[in-house]
Amino acid sequence: MYYFCDMLNIELKFRAFNKKTKKLYRSGALSFSTERHSFMMYTDKELDDAKDDDIELMQFTGQKDINNKEIFQRDIILIDDSKNIIVWDNNRGGWSYTDVDRRLKMTPFGRSEANRSEVLGNEFENPELLKP
C-alpha cells in the first residue's frame, strides 16, 4: 500500500524488515501515535506481533534504478563503479548517498543519480554488501 501526496507529486511507500524473522515486507497502512511515540503497521500477520525495536522501516525515495527497480532508504547501490548506501540527509532535507563505510561526504540523490545506479540489495538482507 502507498500514499500519494498530490501537492508534491510524491509517492509515499514503505517497507519493513523484521529483525527477528529476517524477512522484508511491504508495509500496509501506517498508523502513528503521538501518545506511544511509535507506529503500527497493518500488513502481514507476522508484523502485527512485532515490537517497534524489531522493525526497521524504510521509505521509498521516489526513484528507480537502471533496471526499473524501486530505490528505498538503506538500499545499497552501485553508482559510478562504487558501492554506496541511500540515506536521508537531515542537513539538506533530502535523499543522499554515501560510501558503505559512511566516511565520505553525502552526495545528493535524485533522478539523474538514480538513472545511473543499480540496486544491489539492502543493508539488512545483504550485510555482506557493506564491506567496501
C-alpha atoms as a PDB file:
ATOM      1  CA  MET A   1       0.000   0.000   0.000  1.00  0.00           C
ATOM      2  CA  TYR A   2       1.200   3.522  -0.603  1.00  0.00           C
ATOM      3  CA  TYR A   3       0.055   7.065  -0.093  1.00  0.00           C
ATOM      4  CA  PHE A   4       0.134   9.728  -2.749  1.00  0.00           C
ATOM      5  CA  CYS A   5       0.671  13.391  -1.971  1.00  0.00           C
ATOM      6  CA  ASP A   6      -0.970  15.366  -4.806  1.00  0.00           C
ATOM      7  CA  MET A   7       0.606  18.720  -3.926  1.00  0.00           C
ATOM      8  CA  LEU A   8       4.156  17.442  -4.196  1.00  0.00           C
ATOM      9  CA  ASN A   9       3.531  14.562  -6.611  1.00  0.00           C
ATOM     10  CA  ILE A  10       5.336  12.147  -4.284  1.00  0.00           C
ATOM     11  CA  GLU A  11       4.534   8.502  -3.652  1.00  0.00           C
ATOM     12  CA  LEU A  12       4.978   7.576  -0.002  1.00  0.00           C
ATOM     13  CA  LYS A  13       5.766   3.873   0.119  1.00  0.00           C
ATOM     14  CA  PHE A  14       7.394   1.945   2.892  1.00  0.00           C
ATOM     15  CA  ARG A  15       8.833  -1.466   3.514  1.00  0.00           C
ATOM     16  CA  ALA A  16       9.779  -3.083   6.798  1.00  0.00           C
ATOM     17  CA  PHE A  17      12.494  -5.506   7.818  1.00  0.00           C
ATOM     18  CA  ASN A  18      11.665  -7.769  10.770  1.00  0.00           C
ATOM     19  CA  LYS A  19      14.951  -8.356  12.612  1.00  0.00           C
ATOM     20  CA  LYS A  20      13.643 -11.475  14.358  1.00  0.00           C
ATOM     21  CA  THR A  21      12.302 -13.307  11.290  1.00  0.00           C
ATOM     22  CA  LYS A  22      14.937 -11.753   8.974  1.00  0.00           C
ATOM     23  CA  LYS A  23      12.218 -11.058   6.389  1.00  0.00           C
ATOM     24  CA  LEU A  24      11.421  -7.966   4.355  1.00  0.00           C
ATOM     25  CA  TYR A  25       7.783  -6.907   3.951  1.00  0.00           C
ATOM     26  CA  ARG A  26       5.966  -4.252   2.008  1.00  0.00           C
ATOM     27  CA  SER A  27       4.078  -2.309   4.598  1.00  0.00           C
ATOM     28  CA  GLY A  28       0.392  -1.656   4.517  1.00  0.00           C
ATOM     29  CA  ALA A  29      -1.202   1.382   6.088  1.00  0.00           C
ATOM     30  CA  LEU A  30       0.772   3.040   8.851  1.00  0.00           C
ATOM     31  CA  SER A  31      -0.785   4.469  11.981  1.00  0.00           C
ATOM     32  CA  PHE A  32       1.334   6.833  14.038  1.00  0.00           C
ATOM     33  CA  SER A  33       0.589   7.531  17.688  1.00  0.00           C
ATOM     34  CA  THR A  34       1.792  10.648  19.497  1.00  0.00           C
ATOM     35  CA  GLU A  35       0.930   9.030  22.816  1.00  0.00           C
ATOM     36  CA  ARG A  36       3.132   5.977  22.294  1.00  0.00           C
ATOM     37  CA  HIS A  37       5.734   7.590  20.007  1.00  0.00           C
ATOM     38  CA  SER A  38       5.539   4.591  17.734  1.00  0.00           C
ATOM     39  CA  PHE A  39       3.704   3.239  14.740  1.00  0.00           C
ATOM     40  CA  MET A  40       1.505   0.309  13.918  1.00  0.00           C
ATOM     41  CA  MET A  41       1.767  -1.400  10.590  1.00  0.00           C
ATOM     42  CA  TYR A  42      -1.262  -3.076   9.135  1.00  0.00           C
ATOM     43  CA  THR A  43       0.005  -5.789   6.838  1.00  0.00           C
ATOM     44  CA  ASP A  44       1.232  -9.362   7.219  1.00  0.00           C
ATOM     45  CA  LYS A  45       0.222 -11.093  10.483  1.00  0.00           C
ATOM     46  CA  GLU A  46       3.896 -11.722  11.356  1.00  0.00           C
ATOM     47  CA  LEU A  47       4.435  -7.986  11.734  1.00  0.00           C
ATOM     48  CA  ASP A  48       1.357  -7.439  13.905  1.00  0.00           C
ATOM     49  CA  ASP A  49       3.098  -9.132  16.833  1.00  0.00           C
ATOM     50  CA  ALA A  50       6.472  -7.441  16.340  1.00  0.00           C
ATOM     51  CA  LYS A  51       7.731  -4.773  18.725  1.00  0.00           C
ATOM     52  CA  ASP A  52       8.966  -1.419  17.425  1.00  0.00           C
ATOM     53  CA  ASP A  53      12.592  -2.369  18.173  1.00  0.00           C
ATOM     54  CA  ASP A  54      12.243  -5.459  15.961  1.00  0.00           C
ATOM     55  CA  ILE A  55      11.287  -3.446  12.874  1.00  0.00           C
ATOM     56  CA  GLU A  56      13.391  -1.296  10.560  1.00  0.00           C
ATOM     57  CA  LEU A  57      11.127   0.907   8.451  1.00  0.00           C
ATOM     58  CA  MET A  58      12.468   2.151   5.114  1.00  0.00           C
ATOM     59  CA  GLN A  59      10.915   4.796   2.880  1.00  0.00           C
ATOM     60  CA  PHE A  60      10.782   4.783  -0.928  1.00  0.00           C
ATOM     61  CA  THR A  61      12.950   7.551  -2.409  1.00  0.00           C
ATOM     62  CA  GLY A  62      10.610   8.109  -5.328  1.00  0.00           C
ATOM     63  CA  GLN A  63      13.318   6.940  -7.738  1.00  0.00           C
ATOM     64  CA  LYS A  64      14.015   3.776  -9.739  1.00  0.00           C
ATOM     65  CA  ASP A  65      17.370   2.385 -10.842  1.00  0.00           C
ATOM     66  CA  ILE A  66      18.575   1.465 -14.354  1.00  0.00           C
ATOM     67  CA  ASN A  67      16.617  -1.817 -14.093  1.00  0.00           C
ATOM     68  CA  ASN A  68      13.402  -0.001 -13.111  1.00  0.00           C
ATOM     69  CA  LYS A  69      13.716  -1.282  -9.529  1.00  0.00           C
ATOM     70  CA  GLU A  70      12.393   0.974  -6.762  1.00  0.00           C
ATOM     71  CA  ILE A  71      15.093   2.518  -4.585  1.00  0.00           C
ATOM     72  CA  PHE A  72      14.468   2.641  -0.836  1.00  0.00           C
ATOM     73  CA  GLN A  73      16.278   4.153   2.105  1.00  0.00           C
ATOM     74  CA  ARG A  74      19.215   1.929   3.181  1.00  0.00           C
ATOM     75  CA  ASP A  75      19.447   0.235  -0.193  1.00  0.00           C
ATOM     76  CA  ILE A  76      22.967  -0.420  -1.361  1.00  0.00           C
ATOM     77  CA  ILE A  77      23.521   0.823  -4.881  1.00  0.00           C
ATOM     78  CA  LEU A  78      26.277   0.673  -7.430  1.00  0.00           C
ATOM     79  CA  ILE A  79      26.878   4.131  -8.868  1.00  0.00           C
ATOM     80  CA  ASP A  80      29.957   5.314 -10.769  1.00  0.00           C
ATOM     81  CA  ASP A  81      31.618   1.925 -10.121  1.00  0.00           C
ATOM     82  CA  SER A  82      31.409   2.189  -6.321  1.00  0.00           C
ATOM     83  CA  LYS A  83      29.062   0.781  -3.685  1.00  0.00           C
ATOM     84  CA  ASN A  84      27.049   3.344  -1.778  1.00  0.00           C
ATOM     85  CA  ILE A  85      24.134   3.394   0.619  1.00  0.00           C
ATOM     86  CA  ILE A  86      20.982   5.522   0.363  1.00  0.00           C
ATOM     87  CA  VAL A  87      20.373   7.702   3.423  1.00  0.00           C
ATOM     88  CA  TRP A  88      18.221  10.650   4.464  1.00  0.00           C
ATOM     89  CA  ASP A  89      20.326  13.781   4.859  1.00  0.00           C
ATOM     90  CA  ASN A  90      18.851  15.941   7.618  1.00  0.00           C
ATOM     91  CA  ASN A  91      21.206  18.814   6.780  1.00  0.00           C
ATOM     92  CA  ARG A  92      19.765  19.270   3.303  1.00  0.00           C
ATOM     93  CA  GLY A  93      16.352  17.723   3.912  1.00  0.00           C
ATOM     94  CA  GLY A  94      16.604  15.197   1.107  1.00  0.00           C
ATOM     95  CA  TRP A  95      17.895  11.840  -0.077  1.00  0.00           C
ATOM     96  CA  SER A  96      21.631  11.346  -0.390  1.00  0.00           C
ATOM     97  CA  TYR A  97      24.096   8.554  -0.889  1.00  0.00           C
ATOM     98  CA  THR A  98      27.418   7.906   0.789  1.00  0.00           C
ATOM     99  CA  ASP A  99      30.047   5.177   0.713  1.00  0.00           C
ATOM    100  CA  VAL A 100      29.141   1.971   2.559  1.00  0.00           C
ATOM    101  CA  ASP A 101      31.640   2.852   5.331  1.00  0.00           C
ATOM    102  CA  ARG A 102      29.785   6.180   5.736  1.00  0.00           C
ATOM    103  CA  ARG A 103      33.086   8.031   5.843  1.00  0.00           C
ATOM    104  CA  LEU A 104      32.835  10.213   2.745  1.00  0.00           C
ATOM    105  CA  LYS A 105      30.571  13.185   2.351  1.00  0.00           C
ATOM    106  CA  MET A 106      26.953  12.689   1.442  1.00  0.00           C
ATOM    107  CA  THR A 107      26.031  13.389  -2.166  1.00  0.00           C
ATOM    108  CA  PRO A 108      22.505  14.476  -3.123  1.00  0.00           C
ATOM    109  CA  PHE A 109      20.487  11.658  -4.690  1.00  0.00           C
ATOM    110  CA  GLY A 110      17.909  12.490  -7.333  1.00  0.00           C
ATOM    111  CA  ARG A 111      16.672  11.359 -10.714  1.00  0.00           C
ATOM    112  CA  SER A 112      19.978  11.781 -12.570  1.00  0.00           C
ATOM    113  CA  GLU A 113      21.843   9.735  -9.935  1.00  0.00           C
ATOM    114  CA  ALA A 114      19.114   7.064  -9.909  1.00  0.00           C
ATOM    115  CA  ASN A 115      19.299   6.777 -13.711  1.00  0.00           C
ATOM    116  CA  ARG A 116      22.923   5.666 -13.457  1.00  0.00           C
ATOM    117  CA  SER A 117      22.616   3.472 -10.369  1.00  0.00           C
ATOM    118  CA  GLU A 118      21.782  -0.184  -9.782  1.00  0.00           C
ATOM    119  CA  VAL A 119      20.271  -1.600  -6.582  1.00  0.00           C
ATOM    120  CA  LEU A 120      22.482  -4.422  -5.287  1.00  0.00           C
ATOM    121  CA  GLY A 121      20.465  -5.155  -2.141  1.00  0.00           C
ATOM    122  CA  ASN A 122      19.928  -3.567   1.251  1.00  0.00           C
ATOM    123  CA  GLU A 123      21.886  -3.436   4.477  1.00  0.00           C
ATOM    124  CA  PHE A 124      19.573  -5.831   6.324  1.00  0.00           C
ATOM    125  CA  GLU A 125      19.166  -8.686   3.844  1.00  0.00           C
ATOM    126  CA  ASN A 126      22.654  -8.277   2.376  1.00  0.00           C
ATOM    127  CA  PRO A 127      25.016  -7.111   5.163  1.00  0.00           C
ATOM    128  CA  GLU A 128      27.982  -8.519   3.200  1.00  0.00           C
ATOM    129  CA  LEU A 129      27.500  -5.624   0.754  1.00  0.00           C
ATOM    130  CA  LEU A 130      28.533  -3.195   3.488  1.00  0.00           C
ATOM    131  CA  LYS A 131      32.142  -4.286   3.006  1.00  0.00           C
ATOM    132  CA  PRO A 132      33.977  -1.868   0.698  1.00  0.00           C
END
